[in-house]
């Protein structure tokens, strides 16, 4: 069965993108059309807004686990979970700081 799944995936590979009738946008299976001439800033904004919404929704959903009437947990579990979340946020934020530092880097001769 694994072989059949892999063969099916291989057969579908590359079918996700198709040019629209006007040729200025790419349409991907299950996704909105993306302008071919999209700038880096536009791409960042488009993806950041989508991912932000997903993250906020997940955090709110996670918050629902705080209902002691429905779920059982202890303080150590909560501390570990939030330490992991805070670490992931810290690491991600650092990526943006490094990117900014790289932009400003220059040497004078």
Foldseek 3Di string as FASTA:
>chain_A
DVVVVVVVVVVCPPVQWDADPVRQWIGGVPDDTDGPPQDPVNVCVVVVVVVVVVVVVVVVVVVVCVPVVVHDDDPVVVVVVVVVVVVVVVVVVVVVVVVVVVVPDDDDD
